């Protein structure tokens, strides 16, 4: 069956969804140790969370990019994630979704969250013909993410390195078996209708 162009794929349970971020060890390691982001983590900046493990690998270069050496799996409450979707705006103007560019700019300024749809990636980090969600949080959404929604923070850097080593050795089958089990995250159409890129 063909993948739809826009779909949220994620590892999730009845009450939580796993999203990924990558930081320097100075931020990532205290976050794992304490189960919350440290004071050095900037709340006033937009923070991007990614439900797709492979998109995170593309973004952080398998944990090799400067400032992104510690890859975190952040488990957050599903109701928080869905609050962010409900209050999000697309990060770029799309004719047909927004009445006009000025309306989109006003919405973007007001929205505490923004959505970008980027090509999903395969194990070689090549783009696939369908897209995965990135969710940018700012203002109220960042505060809620850090203080209310976060249930747990795990360091998945060793797993990232293990998968990358298998890919580098040409053993894609073994690498694929280690990937987090992501499946379509089903939400009501009203949550995504305003976010179709």
C-alpha atoms as a PDB file:
ATOM      1  CA  UNK A   1       0.000   0.000   0.000  1.00  0.00           C
ATOM      2  CA  UNK A   2       1.341   3.432  -0.918  1.00  0.00           C
ATOM      3  CA  UNK A   3       2.306   5.826   1.859  1.00  0.00           C
ATOM      4  CA  UNK A   4       0.264   9.042   2.042  1.00  0.00           C
ATOM      5  CA  UNK A   5       2.274  12.200   1.361  1.00  0.00           C
ATOM      6  CA  UNK A   6       1.725  13.597   4.884  1.00  0.00           C
ATOM      7  CA  UNK A   7       1.519  11.222   7.798  1.00  0.00           C
ATOM      8  CA  UNK A   8       2.801  11.238  11.357  1.00  0.00           C
ATOM      9  CA  UNK A   9       4.784   8.071  12.019  1.00  0.00           C
ATOM     10  CA  UNK A  10       5.968   7.487  15.573  1.00  0.00           C
ATOM     11  CA  UNK A  11       6.660   5.091  18.397  1.00  0.00           C
ATOM     12  CA  UNK A  12       3.832   5.603  20.867  1.00  0.00           C
ATOM     13  CA  UNK A  13       1.745   4.023  23.587  1.00  0.00           C
ATOM     14  CA  UNK A  14      -1.775   4.682  24.755  1.00  0.00           C
ATOM     15  CA  UNK A  15      -0.690   7.778  26.672  1.00  0.00           C
ATOM     16  CA  UNK A  16       2.713   8.859  25.302  1.00  0.00           C
ATOM     17  CA  UNK A  17       4.560   9.495  22.039  1.00  0.00           C
ATOM     18  CA  UNK A  18       8.341   9.409  21.566  1.00  0.00           C
ATOM     19  CA  UNK A  19      10.012  12.380  19.887  1.00  0.00           C
ATOM     20  CA  UNK A  20      13.705  12.892  19.175  1.00  0.00           C
ATOM     21  CA  UNK A  21      16.122  15.740  19.737  1.00  0.00           C
ATOM     22  CA  UNK A  22      19.930  15.969  19.650  1.00  0.00           C
ATOM     23  CA  UNK A  23      22.074  18.183  21.856  1.00  0.00           C
ATOM     24  CA  UNK A  24      25.608  18.669  23.056  1.00  0.00           C
ATOM     25  CA  UNK A  25      26.549  16.389  25.990  1.00  0.00           C
ATOM     26  CA  UNK A  26      26.421  19.463  28.289  1.00  0.00           C
ATOM     27  CA  UNK A  27      22.650  19.609  27.752  1.00  0.00           C
ATOM     28  CA  UNK A  28      21.803  16.035  26.779  1.00  0.00           C
ATOM     29  CA  UNK A  29      23.480  14.164  29.635  1.00  0.00           C
ATOM     30  CA  UNK A  30      21.981  16.248  32.504  1.00  0.00           C
ATOM     31  CA  UNK A  31      18.574  15.969  30.787  1.00  0.00           C
ATOM     32  CA  UNK A  32      18.846  12.164  30.851  1.00  0.00           C
ATOM     33  CA  UNK A  33      20.186  12.098  34.417  1.00  0.00           C
ATOM     34  CA  UNK A  34      17.459  14.381  35.815  1.00  0.00           C
ATOM     35  CA  UNK A  35      14.582  13.500  33.500  1.00  0.00           C
ATOM     36  CA  UNK A  36      14.159  17.181  32.646  1.00  0.00           C
ATOM     37  CA  UNK A  37      15.987  19.789  30.619  1.00  0.00           C
ATOM     38  CA  UNK A  38      18.752  21.626  32.511  1.00  0.00           C
ATOM     39  CA  UNK A  39      18.969  25.380  33.110  1.00  0.00           C
ATOM     40  CA  UNK A  40      21.393  25.687  30.174  1.00  0.00           C
ATOM     41  CA  UNK A  41      18.563  24.608  27.841  1.00  0.00           C
ATOM     42  CA  UNK A  42      17.161  27.795  26.292  1.00  0.00           C
ATOM     43  CA  UNK A  43      13.413  28.092  26.818  1.00  0.00           C
ATOM     44  CA  UNK A  44      13.241  31.339  24.859  1.00  0.00           C
ATOM     45  CA  UNK A  45      14.372  29.614  21.649  1.00  0.00           C
ATOM     46  CA  UNK A  46      12.210  27.510  19.383  1.00  0.00           C
ATOM     47  CA  UNK A  47      12.821  23.808  19.942  1.00  0.00           C
ATOM     48  CA  UNK A  48      12.081  21.279  17.195  1.00  0.00           C
ATOM     49  CA  UNK A  49      10.837  17.807  18.090  1.00  0.00           C
ATOM     50  CA  UNK A  50      10.778  14.965  15.583  1.00  0.00           C
ATOM     51  CA  UNK A  51       8.656  11.804  15.897  1.00  0.00           C
ATOM     52  CA  UNK A  52      10.694  10.194  13.079  1.00  0.00           C
ATOM     53  CA  UNK A  53      13.892   8.506  14.268  1.00  0.00           C
ATOM     54  CA  UNK A  54      15.345   8.452  10.746  1.00  0.00           C
ATOM     55  CA  UNK A  55      14.648  12.131  10.173  1.00  0.00           C
ATOM     56  CA  UNK A  56      16.533  12.858  13.394  1.00  0.00           C
ATOM     57  CA  UNK A  57      19.430  10.733  12.095  1.00  0.00           C
ATOM     58  CA  UNK A  58      19.495  12.804   8.925  1.00  0.00           C
ATOM     59  CA  UNK A  59      19.415  16.040  10.915  1.00  0.00           C
ATOM     60  CA  UNK A  60      22.169  15.099  13.403  1.00  0.00           C
ATOM     61  CA  UNK A  61      24.286  12.964  11.046  1.00  0.00           C
ATOM     62  CA  UNK A  62      23.963   9.887  13.265  1.00  0.00           C
ATOM     63  CA  UNK A  63      25.012  11.984  16.276  1.00  0.00           C
ATOM     64  CA  UNK A  64      28.225  13.227  14.659  1.00  0.00           C
ATOM     65  CA  UNK A  65      27.359  16.897  14.073  1.00  0.00           C
ATOM     66  CA  UNK A  66      28.791  19.460  16.490  1.00  0.00           C
ATOM     67  CA  UNK A  67      26.302  20.266  19.246  1.00  0.00           C
ATOM     68  CA  UNK A  68      24.179  17.217  18.349  1.00  0.00           C
ATOM     69  CA  UNK A  69      26.316  14.375  19.706  1.00  0.00           C
ATOM     70  CA  UNK A  70      23.771  13.234  22.320  1.00  0.00           C
ATOM     71  CA  UNK A  71      20.572  11.882  20.791  1.00  0.00           C
ATOM     72  CA  UNK A  72      17.576  11.909  23.105  1.00  0.00           C
ATOM     73  CA  UNK A  73      14.325   9.983  22.937  1.00  0.00           C
ATOM     74  CA  UNK A  74      11.867  12.185  24.790  1.00  0.00           C
ATOM     75  CA  UNK A  75       8.634  10.549  25.839  1.00  0.00           C
ATOM     76  CA  UNK A  76       5.842  13.099  26.067  1.00  0.00           C
ATOM     77  CA  UNK A  77       2.147  12.984  26.850  1.00  0.00           C
ATOM     78  CA  UNK A  78       0.012  12.425  23.771  1.00  0.00           C
ATOM     79  CA  UNK A  79      -2.490  15.049  24.905  1.00  0.00           C
ATOM     80  CA  UNK A  80       0.378  17.584  24.979  1.00  0.00           C
ATOM     81  CA  UNK A  81       1.551  16.587  21.503  1.00  0.00           C
ATOM     82  CA  UNK A  82      -1.996  16.921  20.203  1.00  0.00           C
ATOM     83  CA  UNK A  83      -2.409  20.302  21.937  1.00  0.00           C
ATOM     84  CA  UNK A  84       0.660  21.466  19.995  1.00  0.00           C
ATOM     85  CA  UNK A  85      -0.802  20.191  16.703  1.00  0.00           C
ATOM     86  CA  UNK A  86      -4.125  21.906  17.426  1.00  0.00           C
ATOM     87  CA  UNK A  87      -2.345  25.223  18.084  1.00  0.00           C
ATOM     88  CA  UNK A  88       0.243  24.923  15.290  1.00  0.00           C
ATOM     89  CA  UNK A  89       0.625  26.790  12.033  1.00  0.00           C
ATOM     90  CA  UNK A  90       2.504  25.624   8.937  1.00  0.00           C
ATOM     91  CA  UNK A  91       6.015  27.089   8.847  1.00  0.00           C
ATOM     92  CA  UNK A  92       5.531  28.225   5.252  1.00  0.00           C
ATOM     93  CA  UNK A  93       2.634  29.659   3.269  1.00  0.00           C
ATOM     94  CA  UNK A  94       0.553  27.141   1.311  1.00  0.00           C
ATOM     95  CA  UNK A  95      -2.026  28.369  -1.185  1.00  0.00           C
ATOM     96  CA  UNK A  96      -5.365  26.698  -0.494  1.00  0.00           C
ATOM     97  CA  UNK A  97      -4.570  26.024   3.173  1.00  0.00           C
ATOM     98  CA  UNK A  98      -4.284  29.721   4.073  1.00  0.00           C
ATOM     99  CA  UNK A  99      -6.640  32.376   2.629  1.00  0.00           C
ATOM    100  CA  UNK A 100      -3.646  34.595   1.789  1.00  0.00           C
ATOM    101  CA  UNK A 101      -0.048  35.298   2.769  1.00  0.00           C
ATOM    102  CA  UNK A 102      -0.908  38.064   5.252  1.00  0.00           C
ATOM    103  CA  UNK A 103      -3.327  35.780   7.140  1.00  0.00           C
ATOM    104  CA  UNK A 104      -0.674  33.043   7.300  1.00  0.00           C
ATOM    105  CA  UNK A 105       1.927  35.511   8.649  1.00  0.00           C
ATOM    106  CA  UNK A 106      -0.469  36.654  11.383  1.00  0.00           C
ATOM    107  CA  UNK A 107      -1.238  33.039  12.329  1.00  0.00           C
ATOM    108  CA  UNK A 108       2.464  32.146  12.363  1.00  0.00           C
ATOM    109  CA  UNK A 109       3.271  35.050  14.699  1.00  0.00           C
ATOM    110  CA  UNK A 110       0.511  34.035  17.123  1.00  0.00           C
ATOM    111  CA  UNK A 111       0.984  30.258  17.038  1.00  0.00           C
ATOM    112  CA  UNK A 112       3.009  28.637  19.863  1.00  0.00           C
ATOM    113  CA  UNK A 113       3.864  25.748  17.526  1.00  0.00           C
ATOM    114  CA  UNK A 114       4.726  25.326  13.869  1.00  0.00           C
ATOM    115  CA  UNK A 115       4.772  22.342  11.552  1.00  0.00           C
ATOM    116  CA  UNK A 116       7.154  21.446   8.770  1.00  0.00           C
ATOM    117  CA  UNK A 117       6.796  18.370   6.553  1.00  0.00           C
ATOM    118  CA  UNK A 118      10.192  17.097   5.430  1.00  0.00           C
ATOM    119  CA  UNK A 119      11.068  14.082   3.260  1.00  0.00           C
ATOM    120  CA  UNK A 120      11.333  10.937   5.379  1.00  0.00           C
ATOM    121  CA  UNK A 121      14.757   9.241   5.149  1.00  0.00           C
ATOM    122  CA  UNK A 122      15.955   5.705   4.569  1.00  0.00           C
ATOM    123  CA  UNK A 123      18.911   4.037   6.295  1.00  0.00           C
ATOM    124  CA  UNK A 124      21.319   5.724   3.881  1.00  0.00           C
ATOM    125  CA  UNK A 125      19.665   9.054   4.793  1.00  0.00           C
ATOM    126  CA  UNK A 126      18.337   9.396   1.246  1.00  0.00           C
ATOM    127  CA  UNK A 127      14.941  11.108   0.847  1.00  0.00           C
ATOM    128  CA  UNK A 128      11.836   8.952   0.484  1.00  0.00           C
ATOM    129  CA  UNK A 129       8.812  10.053  -1.599  1.00  0.00           C
ATOM    130  CA  UNK A 130       6.702  10.864   1.460  1.00  0.00           C
ATOM    131  CA  UNK A 131       7.092  13.296   4.318  1.00  0.00           C
ATOM    132  CA  UNK A 132       7.440  13.258   8.089  1.00  0.00           C
ATOM    133  CA  UNK A 133       6.420  15.826  10.637  1.00  0.00           C
ATOM    134  CA  UNK A 134       8.712  18.215  12.477  1.00  0.00           C
ATOM    135  CA  UNK A 135       7.074  20.216  15.231  1.00  0.00           C
ATOM    136  CA  UNK A 136       8.596  23.508  16.375  1.00  0.00           C
ATOM    137  CA  UNK A 137       7.650  24.690  19.861  1.00  0.00           C
ATOM    138  CA  UNK A 138       7.977  28.225  21.190  1.00  0.00           C
ATOM    139  CA  UNK A 139       6.563  30.344  24.012  1.00  0.00           C
ATOM    140  CA  UNK A 140       3.786  28.562  25.877  1.00  0.00           C
ATOM    141  CA  UNK A 141       4.395  25.304  23.978  1.00  0.00           C
ATOM    142  CA  UNK A 142       8.087  25.158  25.041  1.00  0.00           C
ATOM    143  CA  UNK A 143       7.114  25.749  28.663  1.00  0.00           C
ATOM    144  CA  UNK A 144       4.437  23.044  28.557  1.00  0.00           C
ATOM    145  CA  UNK A 145       6.822  20.634  26.792  1.00  0.00           C
ATOM    146  CA  UNK A 146       9.522  21.065  29.431  1.00  0.00           C
ATOM    147  CA  UNK A 147       7.343  21.334  32.546  1.00  0.00           C
ATOM    148  CA  UNK A 148       4.167  19.357  31.836  1.00  0.00           C
ATOM    149  CA  UNK A 149       4.373  17.010  28.858  1.00  0.00           C
ATOM    150  CA  UNK A 150       7.762  15.339  29.324  1.00  0.00           C
ATOM    151  CA  UNK A 151       7.371  11.925  30.948  1.00  0.00           C
ATOM    152  CA  UNK A 152      10.902  10.587  30.436  1.00  0.00           C
ATOM    153  CA  UNK A 153      14.167  11.267  28.605  1.00  0.00           C
ATOM    154  CA  UNK A 154      16.451   8.454  27.363  1.00  0.00           C
ATOM    155  CA  UNK A 155      19.902   8.644  25.809  1.00  0.00           C
ATOM    156  CA  UNK A 156      19.690   6.618  22.582  1.00  0.00           C
ATOM    157  CA  UNK A 157      23.169   7.620  21.348  1.00  0.00           C
ATOM    158  CA  UNK A 158      24.628   4.074  21.772  1.00  0.00           C
ATOM    159  CA  UNK A 159      21.756   2.677  19.682  1.00  0.00           C
ATOM    160  CA  UNK A 160      22.326   5.390  17.054  1.00  0.00           C
ATOM    161  CA  UNK A 161      26.018   4.465  16.810  1.00  0.00           C
ATOM    162  CA  UNK A 162      25.226   0.737  16.623  1.00  0.00           C
ATOM    163  CA  UNK A 163      22.730   1.213  13.778  1.00  0.00           C
ATOM    164  CA  UNK A 164      25.108   3.553  11.946  1.00  0.00           C
ATOM    165  CA  UNK A 165      27.965   1.037  12.216  1.00  0.00           C
ATOM    166  CA  UNK A 166      25.761  -1.695  10.705  1.00  0.00           C
ATOM    167  CA  UNK A 167      24.691   0.609   7.869  1.00  0.00           C
ATOM    168  CA  UNK A 168      28.348   1.525   7.230  1.00  0.00           C
ATOM    169  CA  UNK A 169      29.214  -2.203   7.094  1.00  0.00           C
ATOM    170  CA  UNK A 170      26.453  -2.755   4.521  1.00  0.00           C
ATOM    171  CA  UNK A 171      24.249  -4.777   6.889  1.00  0.00           C
ATOM    172  CA  UNK A 172      21.007  -2.892   6.336  1.00  0.00           C
ATOM    173  CA  UNK A 173      18.820  -5.824   7.445  1.00  0.00           C
ATOM    174  CA  UNK A 174      20.399  -5.947  10.921  1.00  0.00           C
ATOM    175  CA  UNK A 175      20.292  -2.138  11.125  1.00  0.00           C
ATOM    176  CA  UNK A 176      16.593  -2.087  10.210  1.00  0.00           C
ATOM    177  CA  UNK A 177      15.802  -4.634  12.944  1.00  0.00           C
ATOM    178  CA  UNK A 178      17.206  -2.239  15.576  1.00  0.00           C
ATOM    179  CA  UNK A 179      15.121   0.760  14.503  1.00  0.00           C
ATOM    180  CA  UNK A 180      12.391   1.945  16.874  1.00  0.00           C
ATOM    181  CA  UNK A 181       9.024   0.495  15.829  1.00  0.00           C
ATOM    182  CA  UNK A 182       7.192   3.445  14.325  1.00  0.00           C
ATOM    183  CA  UNK A 183       3.652   3.190  13.032  1.00  0.00           C
ATOM    184  CA  UNK A 184       1.075   5.629  11.724  1.00  0.00           C
ATOM    185  CA  UNK A 185      -0.062   7.948  14.512  1.00  0.00           C
ATOM    186  CA  UNK A 186      -3.778   8.240  13.970  1.00  0.00           C
ATOM    187  CA  UNK A 187      -5.375  11.547  14.859  1.00  0.00           C
ATOM    188  CA  UNK A 188      -8.695  13.071  13.883  1.00  0.00           C
ATOM    189  CA  UNK A 189      -8.766  14.948  10.595  1.00  0.00           C
ATOM    190  CA  UNK A 190      -9.575  18.171  12.478  1.00  0.00           C
ATOM    191  CA  UNK A 191      -6.096  18.065  14.049  1.00  0.00           C
ATOM    192  CA  UNK A 192      -4.258  17.948  10.716  1.00  0.00           C
ATOM    193  CA  UNK A 193      -6.597  19.680   8.254  1.00  0.00           C
ATOM    194  CA  UNK A 194      -4.896  23.073   8.785  1.00  0.00           C
ATOM    195  CA  UNK A 195      -1.422  21.482   8.598  1.00  0.00           C
ATOM    196  CA  UNK A 196      -1.353  19.849   5.178  1.00  0.00           C
ATOM    197  CA  UNK A 197       1.738  21.227   3.496  1.00  0.00           C
END
